[in-house]
Amino acid sequence: MSTENRTPLLRLAKRSEMDPRKVWCIRVASIAIALILGFIPILLTGNNPFAAYGVIVQGSLSRPIYIRQTVKIAVPLLGCALAIAPCFKMKFWNIGAEGQITMGAVAATYFALFWADKLPHFPLLAIMFISGAVAGGLWALIPAFFKAKWNTNETLFTLMMNYIAIGIVAWLQGGPWEGRKGSQLIPMFSDNARIPTVLGVHCGWVIALVLVVLMYIYMNRTKQGYEIAVIGDSVNTARYAGMNVGWIMMRTMFLSGAISGIVGFMIVSGANYTLYSGVANGVGFTSITVAWLSQLNSFAMIAISMMLAILEKGSNTLQTRMEIPASIADIITGILLFCMLSCEFFINYRLIFRHRERKEVNV
């Protein structure tokens, strides 16, 4: 009788540290591979991939009006990624930014519809801003309270609350806030309830950049940011150090929801000028990718948000100029995100190959 012992051909090991230059080489290589793989769906449509990529860039950056539209797409992505970053740092998986954006938009819309003729322009906008932040924060506080009190699953809880928020807006559209009878539409905001523009884009981009700096300071230079990092590393260590984990979770989620609510305010008062059930438009989910790709770095989120906005804006031009379906751009975006997320695996882990060793033992 004999037994055969085999050492693994492939072993996975966590890297202790990698040269920053190698890290960026891997990331650049992942983008290059993604762009090459993106040739495939474009070639299947019978078009030139290089021309298609050129059209995407031209359609998003070649003219000032295109740049403004691209920035307008990037602003909510950036704001929402900043919102969920502290939660993810704490390993509290907030998948409910979509609903928090929506509830912030609802609160802002209330004042836009019923107070626009009673308050001056800037006081009205200030109230809309604050109400959006409070509504988003309170909406996020609900799952945080249940998590702190009864250790519920925050992923499912926050996800389900998205649909409740969307249902509330759908009810408002066809009920109390419906404009023309039977239209299922909420009236457009008056000029008094619209935020001003700066360099041709609503000033939400200024707010977003301010939030980038504030969030960086909050996460890296404050006691609260340190507490978030400790809880993310080990809840037991945080409790041993005397931290009130439940309170920190609720505080962080309120902050996350408040920033998401501000994003909702910016969308309805700076871009759409009205409220509808799809007001968040998937931003809450896409921003998760932005946060992960940036490794929760506030400044890196700017570049990632702009990259995704370029692809989204450029895809519309791709459809009109080359008659390539916009869904092809979605495929390219998916390939790009997959490759960029996959490269983080090789940054954090290494593959160790070994020769097969065989031993025979006679019994």
Foldseek 3Di string as FASTA:
>chain_A
DKDKDKDDQKDKDFDPADDPVVLVVLLVVLLVVLLVVLQVVVVVVVDDSVVLVVLLLCLQPVDLVSVQQLLQQLLLLLLLLLLCLLCVLLVQDQLQLLLLLLQLLVQLVVCQVPVLVPDFQPVNQVSSLQRLLQRQLVLLLVLLLCCLPPVDRNVVVSVVSSVVSLVVQQCCLQPDQPDPHPPSFGDFGDPSSAADDDSNAGCSSVVSVVSLVVSQCVLPPDPLNVLSNVSSVPVVVSVVVVHSVSVSSSVSSSSSSSSSSSSSSCQCRGPVRGHHSCSSVCSSVVSVLLCVLQVSRSVSSSVVSSVVSSLQSSLVSSCVPVVDHSVSSVVSVVSSSVSSNVSVSVNGMDMDGDDIDIDIDDD
